[in-house]
Amino acid sequence: MFSHCPVCGLKFEREQGYFVGAMYINYGATVFLIFTGYFTFELFTAIPFVVNFGIWGVISAVFPVFFYSYSKSLWLNIDYALDPSG
């Protein structure tokens, strides 16, 4: 990740603990995805409980790893929208 935006100069790397909000976004997105996916499969498919649970267990372990960079971007956008001075 760049330390500053090459276009506008916005500082990406902030103080220690700044990206805790990004972890909350990542956690919330993961929980939302897993719950809605699990219950959708439970209601509309005939797959057994163990298979359904296993599928969403694997996704819940993999999804946060791939989504974390997007959650950091979302957190930076929220912060910039609330405090444009950076």
PDB file of N, CA and C in Angstrom:
ATOM      1  N   MET A   1       0.848  -1.178   0.000  1.00  0.00           N
ATOM      2  CA  MET A   1       0.000   0.000   0.000  1.00  0.00           C
ATOM      3  C   MET A   1       0.891   1.237   0.000  1.00  0.00           C
ATOM      4  N   PHE A   2       0.551   2.200  -0.823  1.00  0.00           N
ATOM      5  CA  PHE A   2       1.301   3.449  -0.864  1.00  0.00           C
ATOM      6  C   PHE A   2       1.117   4.213   0.445  1.00  0.00           C
ATOM      7  N   SER A   3       2.108   5.003   0.814  1.00  0.00           N
ATOM      8  CA  SER A   3       1.972   5.805   2.037  1.00  0.00           C
ATOM      9  C   SER A   3       1.102   7.035   1.796  1.00  0.00           C
ATOM     10  N   HIS A   4       1.103   7.555   0.554  1.00  0.00           N
ATOM     11  CA  HIS A   4       0.283   8.711   0.174  1.00  0.00           C
ATOM     12  C   HIS A   4      -0.343   8.453  -1.192  1.00  0.00           C
ATOM     13  N   CYS A   5      -1.458   9.113  -1.449  1.00  0.00           N
ATOM     14  CA  CYS A   5      -2.114   9.040  -2.758  1.00  0.00           C
ATOM     15  C   CYS A   5      -1.251   9.773  -3.777  1.00  0.00           C
ATOM     16  N   PRO A   6      -0.927   9.146  -4.917  1.00  0.00           N
ATOM     17  CA  PRO A   6      -0.094   9.823  -5.911  1.00  0.00           C
ATOM     18  C   PRO A   6      -0.799  10.990  -6.601  1.00  0.00           C
ATOM     19  N   VAL A   7      -2.121  11.047  -6.530  1.00  0.00           N
ATOM     20  CA  VAL A   7      -2.859  12.108  -7.210  1.00  0.00           C
ATOM     21  C   VAL A   7      -3.101  13.299  -6.289  1.00  0.00           C
ATOM     22  N   CYS A   8      -3.708  13.032  -5.118  1.00  0.00           N
ATOM     23  CA  CYS A   8      -4.108  14.148  -4.245  1.00  0.00           C
ATOM     24  C   CYS A   8      -3.227  14.310  -3.012  1.00  0.00           C
ATOM     25  N   GLY A   9      -2.352  13.335  -2.736  1.00  0.00           N
ATOM     26  CA  GLY A   9      -1.458  13.449  -1.597  1.00  0.00           C
ATOM     27  C   GLY A   9      -2.059  13.042  -0.257  1.00  0.00           C
ATOM     28  N   LEU A  10      -3.276  12.442  -0.257  1.00  0.00           N
ATOM     29  CA  LEU A  10      -3.899  11.994   0.989  1.00  0.00           C
ATOM     30  C   LEU A  10      -3.025  10.939   1.660  1.00  0.00           C
ATOM     31  N   LYS A  11      -2.780  11.104   2.934  1.00  0.00           N
ATOM     32  CA  LYS A  11      -1.937  10.176   3.673  1.00  0.00           C
ATOM     33  C   LYS A  11      -2.744   8.916   4.006  1.00  0.00           C
ATOM     34  N   PHE A  12      -2.280   7.762   3.519  1.00  0.00           N
ATOM     35  CA  PHE A  12      -2.971   6.498   3.759  1.00  0.00           C
ATOM     36  C   PHE A  12      -2.604   5.889   5.101  1.00  0.00           C
ATOM     37  N   GLU A  13      -1.319   5.817   5.382  1.00  0.00           N
ATOM     38  CA  GLU A  13      -0.863   5.207   6.632  1.00  0.00           C
ATOM     39  C   GLU A  13      -0.953   6.224   7.753  1.00  0.00           C
ATOM     40  N   ARG A  14      -1.874   6.002   8.649  1.00  0.00           N
ATOM     41  CA  ARG A  14      -2.119   6.934   9.751  1.00  0.00           C
ATOM     42  C   ARG A  14      -1.467   6.394  11.029  1.00  0.00           C
ATOM     43  N   GLU A  15      -1.922   6.896  12.149  1.00  0.00           N
ATOM     44  CA  GLU A  15      -1.358   6.479  13.427  1.00  0.00           C
ATOM     45  C   GLU A  15      -1.735   5.028  13.738  1.00  0.00           C
ATOM     46  N   GLN A  16      -1.029   4.492  14.722  1.00  0.00           N
ATOM     47  CA  GLN A  16      -1.274   3.114  15.133  1.00  0.00           C
ATOM     48  C   GLN A  16      -2.715   2.967  15.620  1.00  0.00           C
ATOM     49  N   GLY A  17      -3.394   1.921  15.165  1.00  0.00           N
ATOM     50  CA  GLY A  17      -4.771   1.678  15.551  1.00  0.00           C
ATOM     51  C   GLY A  17      -5.797   2.345  14.669  1.00  0.00           C
ATOM     52  N   TYR A  18      -5.347   3.064  13.653  1.00  0.00           N
ATOM     53  CA  TYR A  18      -6.263   3.799  12.784  1.00  0.00           C
ATOM     54  C   TYR A  18      -7.200   2.858  12.030  1.00  0.00           C
ATOM     55  N   PHE A  19      -6.703   1.710  11.609  1.00  0.00           N
ATOM     56  CA  PHE A  19      -7.492   0.805  10.784  1.00  0.00           C
ATOM     57  C   PHE A  19      -8.319  -0.202  11.590  1.00  0.00           C
ATOM     58  N   VAL A  20      -8.546   0.060  12.858  1.00  0.00           N
ATOM     59  CA  VAL A  20      -9.458  -0.782  13.633  1.00  0.00           C
ATOM     60  C   VAL A  20     -10.864  -0.689  13.045  1.00  0.00           C
ATOM     61  N   GLY A  21     -11.235   0.472  12.566  1.00  0.00           N
ATOM     62  CA  GLY A  21     -12.535   0.626  11.913  1.00  0.00           C
ATOM     63  C   GLY A  21     -12.644  -0.242  10.666  1.00  0.00           C
ATOM     64  N   ALA A  22     -11.536  -0.401   9.944  1.00  0.00           N
ATOM     65  CA  ALA A  22     -11.531  -1.273   8.770  1.00  0.00           C
ATOM     66  C   ALA A  22     -11.759  -2.721   9.176  1.00  0.00           C
ATOM     67  N   MET A  23     -11.234  -3.099  10.326  1.00  0.00           N
ATOM     68  CA  MET A  23     -11.477  -4.464  10.813  1.00  0.00           C
ATOM     69  C   MET A  23     -12.945  -4.651  11.176  1.00  0.00           C
ATOM     70  N   TYR A  24     -13.566  -3.622  11.734  1.00  0.00           N
ATOM     71  CA  TYR A  24     -15.010  -3.703  12.025  1.00  0.00           C
ATOM     72  C   TYR A  24     -15.817  -3.829  10.739  1.00  0.00           C
ATOM     73  N   ILE A  25     -15.446  -3.075   9.718  1.00  0.00           N
ATOM     74  CA  ILE A  25     -16.131  -3.179   8.429  1.00  0.00           C
ATOM     75  C   ILE A  25     -15.955  -4.580   7.857  1.00  0.00           C
ATOM     76  N   ASN A  26     -14.754  -5.100   7.917  1.00  0.00           N
ATOM     77  CA  ASN A  26     -14.467  -6.437   7.410  1.00  0.00           C
ATOM     78  C   ASN A  26     -15.275  -7.499   8.168  1.00  0.00           C
ATOM     79  N   TYR A  27     -15.312  -7.374   9.474  1.00  0.00           N
ATOM     80  CA  TYR A  27     -16.076  -8.320  10.292  1.00  0.00           C
ATOM     81  C   TYR A  27     -17.567  -8.234   9.976  1.00  0.00           C
ATOM     82  N   GLY A  28     -18.095  -7.019   9.881  1.00  0.00           N
ATOM     83  CA  GLY A  28     -19.517  -6.845   9.588  1.00  0.00           C
ATOM     84  C   GLY A  28     -19.895  -7.402   8.230  1.00  0.00           C
ATOM     85  N   ALA A  29     -19.061  -7.159   7.228  1.00  0.00           N
ATOM     86  CA  ALA A  29     -19.331  -7.685   5.888  1.00  0.00           C
ATOM     87  C   ALA A  29     -19.280  -9.212   5.883  1.00  0.00           C
ATOM     88  N   THR A  30     -18.335  -9.772   6.615  1.00  0.00           N
ATOM     89  CA  THR A  30     -18.223 -11.231   6.690  1.00  0.00           C
ATOM     90  C   THR A  30     -19.434 -11.840   7.375  1.00  0.00           C
ATOM     91  N   VAL A  31     -19.825 -11.288   8.495  1.00  0.00           N
ATOM     92  CA  VAL A  31     -20.989 -11.814   9.220  1.00  0.00           C
ATOM     93  C   VAL A  31     -22.250 -11.693   8.373  1.00  0.00           C
ATOM     94  N   PHE A  32     -22.431 -10.553   7.713  1.00  0.00           N
ATOM     95  CA  PHE A  32     -23.602 -10.368   6.853  1.00  0.00           C
ATOM     96  C   PHE A  32     -23.618 -11.402   5.721  1.00  0.00           C
ATOM     97  N   LEU A  33     -22.478 -11.596   5.059  1.00  0.00           N
ATOM     98  CA  LEU A  33     -22.388 -12.560   3.976  1.00  0.00           C
ATOM     99  C   LEU A  33     -22.672 -13.977   4.460  1.00  0.00           C
ATOM    100  N   ILE A  34     -22.075 -14.362   5.567  1.00  0.00           N
ATOM    101  CA  ILE A  34     -22.212 -15.729   6.068  1.00  0.00           C
ATOM    102  C   ILE A  34     -23.640 -16.001   6.524  1.00  0.00           C
ATOM    103  N   PHE A  35     -24.220 -15.108   7.294  1.00  0.00           N
ATOM    104  CA  PHE A  35     -25.599 -15.327   7.767  1.00  0.00           C
ATOM    105  C   PHE A  35     -26.595 -15.381   6.621  1.00  0.00           C
ATOM    106  N   THR A  36     -26.518 -14.410   5.722  1.00  0.00           N
ATOM    107  CA  THR A  36     -27.488 -14.415   4.625  1.00  0.00           C
ATOM    108  C   THR A  36     -27.271 -15.616   3.704  1.00  0.00           C
ATOM    109  N   GLY A  37     -26.029 -15.954   3.436  1.00  0.00           N
ATOM    110  CA  GLY A  37     -25.747 -17.111   2.585  1.00  0.00           C
ATOM    111  C   GLY A  37     -26.191 -18.415   3.227  1.00  0.00           C
ATOM    112  N   TYR A  38     -25.866 -18.585   4.504  1.00  0.00           N
ATOM    113  CA  TYR A  38     -26.241 -19.813   5.193  1.00  0.00           C
ATOM    114  C   TYR A  38     -27.757 -19.993   5.218  1.00  0.00           C
ATOM    115  N   PHE A  39     -28.477 -18.961   5.633  1.00  0.00           N
ATOM    116  CA  PHE A  39     -29.926 -19.105   5.742  1.00  0.00           C
ATOM    117  C   PHE A  39     -30.605 -19.169   4.375  1.00  0.00           C
ATOM    118  N   THR A  40     -30.031 -18.543   3.371  1.00  0.00           N
ATOM    119  CA  THR A  40     -30.568 -18.688   2.012  1.00  0.00           C
ATOM    120  C   THR A  40     -30.416 -20.126   1.531  1.00  0.00           C
ATOM    121  N   PHE A  41     -29.237 -20.708   1.733  1.00  0.00           N
ATOM    122  CA  PHE A  41     -29.037 -22.114   1.372  1.00  0.00           C
ATOM    123  C   PHE A  41     -29.953 -23.014   2.186  1.00  0.00           C
ATOM    124  N   GLU A  42     -30.116 -22.720   3.450  1.00  0.00           N
ATOM    125  CA  GLU A  42     -30.955 -23.538   4.327  1.00  0.00           C
ATOM    126  C   GLU A  42     -32.412 -23.529   3.864  1.00  0.00           C
ATOM    127  N   LEU A  43     -32.898 -22.376   3.444  1.00  0.00           N
ATOM    128  CA  LEU A  43     -34.301 -22.261   3.045  1.00  0.00           C
ATOM    129  C   LEU A  43     -34.574 -22.767   1.631  1.00  0.00           C
ATOM    130  N   PHE A  44     -33.660 -22.531   0.691  1.00  0.00           N
ATOM    131  CA  PHE A  44     -33.959 -22.773  -0.714  1.00  0.00           C
ATOM    132  C   PHE A  44     -33.238 -23.954  -1.344  1.00  0.00           C
ATOM    133  N   THR A  45     -32.429 -24.668  -0.595  1.00  0.00           N
ATOM    134  CA  THR A  45     -31.775 -25.861  -1.143  1.00  0.00           C
ATOM    135  C   THR A  45     -32.020 -27.039  -0.209  1.00  0.00           C
ATOM    136  N   ALA A  46     -31.711 -28.213  -0.708  1.00  0.00           N
ATOM    137  CA  ALA A  46     -31.920 -29.430   0.087  1.00  0.00           C
ATOM    138  C   ALA A  46     -30.601 -30.045   0.530  1.00  0.00           C
ATOM    139  N   ILE A  47     -29.536 -29.245   0.573  1.00  0.00           N
ATOM    140  CA  ILE A  47     -28.253 -29.812   0.993  1.00  0.00           C
ATOM    141  C   ILE A  47     -28.271 -30.054   2.499  1.00  0.00           C
ATOM    142  N   PRO A  48     -27.551 -31.073   2.953  1.00  0.00           N
ATOM    143  CA  PRO A  48     -27.533 -31.373   4.394  1.00  0.00           C
ATOM    144  C   PRO A  48     -26.882 -30.256   5.218  1.00  0.00           C
ATOM    145  N   PHE A  49     -27.217 -30.247   6.497  1.00  0.00           N
ATOM    146  CA  PHE A  49     -26.701 -29.229   7.420  1.00  0.00           C
ATOM    147  C   PHE A  49     -25.174 -29.206   7.431  1.00  0.00           C
ATOM    148  N   VAL A  50     -24.552 -30.379   7.499  1.00  0.00           N
ATOM    149  CA  VAL A  50     -23.099 -30.450   7.617  1.00  0.00           C
ATOM    150  C   VAL A  50     -22.422 -29.841   6.384  1.00  0.00           C
ATOM    151  N   VAL A  51     -22.967 -30.114   5.208  1.00  0.00           N
ATOM    152  CA  VAL A  51     -22.388 -29.557   3.983  1.00  0.00           C
ATOM    153  C   VAL A  51     -22.568 -28.041   3.956  1.00  0.00           C
ATOM    154  N   ASN A  52     -23.761 -27.570   4.285  1.00  0.00           N
ATOM    155  CA  ASN A  52     -24.039 -26.137   4.319  1.00  0.00           C
ATOM    156  C   ASN A  52     -23.124 -25.441   5.322  1.00  0.00           C
ATOM    157  N   PHE A  53     -23.007 -26.019   6.496  1.00  0.00           N
ATOM    158  CA  PHE A  53     -22.148 -25.459   7.534  1.00  0.00           C
ATOM    159  C   PHE A  53     -20.689 -25.450   7.090  1.00  0.00           C
ATOM    160  N   GLY A  54     -20.262 -26.502   6.429  1.00  0.00           N
ATOM    161  CA  GLY A  54     -18.884 -26.584   5.948  1.00  0.00           C
ATOM    162  C   GLY A  54     -18.572 -25.567   4.878  1.00  0.00           C
ATOM    163  N   ILE A  55     -19.508 -25.405   3.929  1.00  0.00           N
ATOM    164  CA  ILE A  55     -19.315 -24.430   2.865  1.00  0.00           C
ATOM    165  C   ILE A  55     -19.121 -23.041   3.451  1.00  0.00           C
ATOM    166  N   TRP A  56     -20.011 -22.644   4.328  1.00  0.00           N
ATOM    167  CA  TRP A  56     -19.938 -21.289   4.879  1.00  0.00           C
ATOM    168  C   TRP A  56     -18.827 -21.145   5.906  1.00  0.00           C
ATOM    169  N   GLY A  57     -18.412 -22.255   6.504  1.00  0.00           N
ATOM    170  CA  GLY A  57     -17.246 -22.204   7.391  1.00  0.00           C
ATOM    171  C   GLY A  57     -15.975 -21.886   6.621  1.00  0.00           C
ATOM    172  N   VAL A  58     -15.818 -22.514   5.464  1.00  0.00           N
ATOM    173  CA  VAL A  58     -14.645 -22.250   4.622  1.00  0.00           C
ATOM    174  C   VAL A  58     -14.685 -20.811   4.090  1.00  0.00           C
ATOM    175  N   ILE A  59     -15.858 -20.378   3.629  1.00  0.00           N
ATOM    176  CA  ILE A  59     -15.982 -19.016   3.115  1.00  0.00           C
ATOM    177  C   ILE A  59     -15.695 -17.996   4.212  1.00  0.00           C
ATOM    178  N   SER A  60     -16.137 -18.284   5.435  1.00  0.00           N
ATOM    179  CA  SER A  60     -15.894 -17.338   6.537  1.00  0.00           C
ATOM    180  C   SER A  60     -14.422 -17.247   6.905  1.00  0.00           C
ATOM    181  N   ALA A  61     -13.639 -18.264   6.548  1.00  0.00           N
ATOM    182  CA  ALA A  61     -12.204 -18.199   6.810  1.00  0.00           C
ATOM    183  C   ALA A  61     -11.442 -17.508   5.676  1.00  0.00           C
ATOM    184  N   VAL A  62     -11.956 -17.607   4.445  1.00  0.00           N
ATOM    185  CA  VAL A  62     -11.243 -17.088   3.290  1.00  0.00           C
ATOM    186  C   VAL A  62     -11.662 -15.656   2.945  1.00  0.00           C
ATOM    187  N   PHE A  63     -12.947 -15.345   3.044  1.00  0.00           N
ATOM    188  CA  PHE A  63     -13.460 -14.045   2.623  1.00  0.00           C
ATOM    189  C   PHE A  63     -12.787 -12.858   3.310  1.00  0.00           C
ATOM    190  N   PRO A  64     -12.602 -12.858   4.634  1.00  0.00           N
ATOM    191  CA  PRO A  64     -11.987 -11.685   5.277  1.00  0.00           C
ATOM    192  C   PRO A  64     -10.571 -11.386   4.792  1.00  0.00           C
ATOM    193  N   VAL A  65      -9.840 -12.413   4.406  1.00  0.00           N
ATOM    194  CA  VAL A  65      -8.475 -12.209   3.922  1.00  0.00           C
ATOM    195  C   VAL A  65      -8.488 -11.422   2.612  1.00  0.00           C
ATOM    196  N   PHE A  66      -9.389 -11.785   1.720  1.00  0.00           N
ATOM    197  CA  PHE A  66      -9.461 -11.109   0.431  1.00  0.00           C
ATOM    198  C   PHE A  66     -10.180  -9.759   0.506  1.00  0.00           C
ATOM    199  N   PHE A  67     -11.051  -9.577   1.473  1.00  0.00           N
ATOM    200  CA  PHE A  67     -11.832  -8.349   1.563  1.00  0.00           C
ATOM    201  C   PHE A  67     -11.138  -7.265   2.386  1.00  0.00           C
ATOM    202  N   TYR A  68     -10.066  -7.590   3.105  1.00  0.00           N
ATOM    203  CA  TYR A  68      -9.467  -6.630   4.028  1.00  0.00           C
ATOM    204  C   TYR A  68      -8.957  -5.366   3.326  1.00  0.00           C
ATOM    205  N   SER A  69      -8.353  -5.510   2.155  1.00  0.00           N
ATOM    206  CA  SER A  69      -7.862  -4.304   1.466  1.00  0.00           C
ATOM    207  C   SER A  69      -9.026  -3.410   1.051  1.00  0.00           C
ATOM    208  N   TYR A  70     -10.158  -4.009   0.685  1.00  0.00           N
ATOM    209  CA  TYR A  70     -11.338  -3.217   0.334  1.00  0.00           C
ATOM    210  C   TYR A  70     -11.930  -2.533   1.570  1.00  0.00           C
ATOM    211  N   SER A  71     -11.881  -3.226   2.704  1.00  0.00           N
ATOM    212  CA  SER A  71     -12.401  -2.600   3.928  1.00  0.00           C
ATOM    213  C   SER A  71     -11.508  -1.440   4.362  1.00  0.00           C
ATOM    214  N   LYS A  72     -10.206  -1.538   4.126  1.00  0.00           N
ATOM    215  CA  LYS A  72      -9.321  -0.406   4.418  1.00  0.00           C
ATOM    216  C   LYS A  72      -9.666   0.784   3.524  1.00  0.00           C
ATOM    217  N   SER A  73      -9.944   0.510   2.255  1.00  0.00           N
ATOM    218  CA  SER A  73     -10.334   1.583   1.333  1.00  0.00           C
ATOM    219  C   SER A  73     -11.650   2.216   1.753  1.00  0.00           C
ATOM    220  N   LEU A  74     -12.607   1.386   2.146  1.00  0.00           N
ATOM    221  CA  LEU A  74     -13.887   1.919   2.620  1.00  0.00           C
ATOM    222  C   LEU A  74     -13.693   2.788   3.856  1.00  0.00           C
ATOM    223  N   TRP A  75     -12.855   2.335   4.773  1.00  0.00           N
ATOM    224  CA  TRP A  75     -12.602   3.092   5.997  1.00  0.00           C
ATOM    225  C   TRP A  75     -11.941   4.436   5.680  1.00  0.00           C
ATOM    226  N   LEU A  76     -10.983   4.437   4.755  1.00  0.00           N
ATOM    227  CA  LEU A  76     -10.356   5.697   4.338  1.00  0.00           C
ATOM    228  C   LEU A  76     -11.376   6.624   3.693  1.00  0.00           C
ATOM    229  N   ASN A  77     -12.278   6.080   2.887  1.00  0.00           N
ATOM    230  CA  ASN A  77     -13.310   6.901   2.253  1.00  0.00           C
ATOM    231  C   ASN A  77     -14.269   7.492   3.266  1.00  0.00           C
ATOM    232  N   ILE A  78     -14.645   6.713   4.254  1.00  0.00           N
ATOM    233  CA  ILE A  78     -15.539   7.216   5.309  1.00  0.00           C
ATOM    234  C   ILE A  78     -14.840   8.333   6.075  1.00  0.00           C
ATOM    235  N   ASP A  79     -13.574   8.124   6.425  1.00  0.00           N
ATOM    236  CA  ASP A  79     -12.820   9.134   7.155  1.00  0.00           C
ATOM    237  C   ASP A  79     -12.662  10.404   6.318  1.00  0.00           C
ATOM    238  N   TYR A  80     -12.366  10.242   5.040  1.00  0.00           N
ATOM    239  CA  TYR A  80     -12.192  11.408   4.170  1.00  0.00           C
ATOM    240  C   TYR A  80     -13.506  12.166   3.983  1.00  0.00           C
ATOM    241  N   ALA A  81     -14.624  11.431   3.911  1.00  0.00           N
ATOM    242  CA  ALA A  81     -15.930  12.082   3.761  1.00  0.00           C
ATOM    243  C   ALA A  81     -16.283  12.889   5.013  1.00  0.00           C
ATOM    244  N   LEU A  82     -15.870  12.392   6.179  1.00  0.00           N
ATOM    245  CA  LEU A  82     -16.184  13.090   7.427  1.00  0.00           C
ATOM    246  C   LEU A  82     -15.162  14.186   7.755  1.00  0.00           C
ATOM    247  N   ASP A  83     -13.910  14.024   7.303  1.00  0.00           N
ATOM    248  CA  ASP A  83     -12.863  14.996   7.578  1.00  0.00           C
ATOM    249  C   ASP A  83     -11.975  15.176   6.343  1.00  0.00           C
ATOM    250  N   PRO A  84     -12.379  15.981   5.380  1.00  0.00           N
ATOM    251  CA  PRO A  84     -11.618  16.114   4.138  1.00  0.00           C
ATOM    252  C   PRO A  84     -10.227  16.723   4.291  1.00  0.00           C
ATOM    253  N   SER A  85      -9.932  17.334   5.409  1.00  0.00           N
ATOM    254  CA  SER A  85      -8.619  17.952   5.577  1.00  0.00           C
ATOM    255  C   SER A  85      -7.524  16.903   5.694  1.00  0.00           C
ATOM    256  N   GLY A  86      -7.911  15.663   6.068  1.00  0.00           N
ATOM    257  CA  GLY A  86      -6.957  14.560   6.097  1.00  0.00           C
ATOM    258  C   GLY A  86      -6.073  14.614   7.288  1.00  0.00           C
TER     259      GLY A  86
END
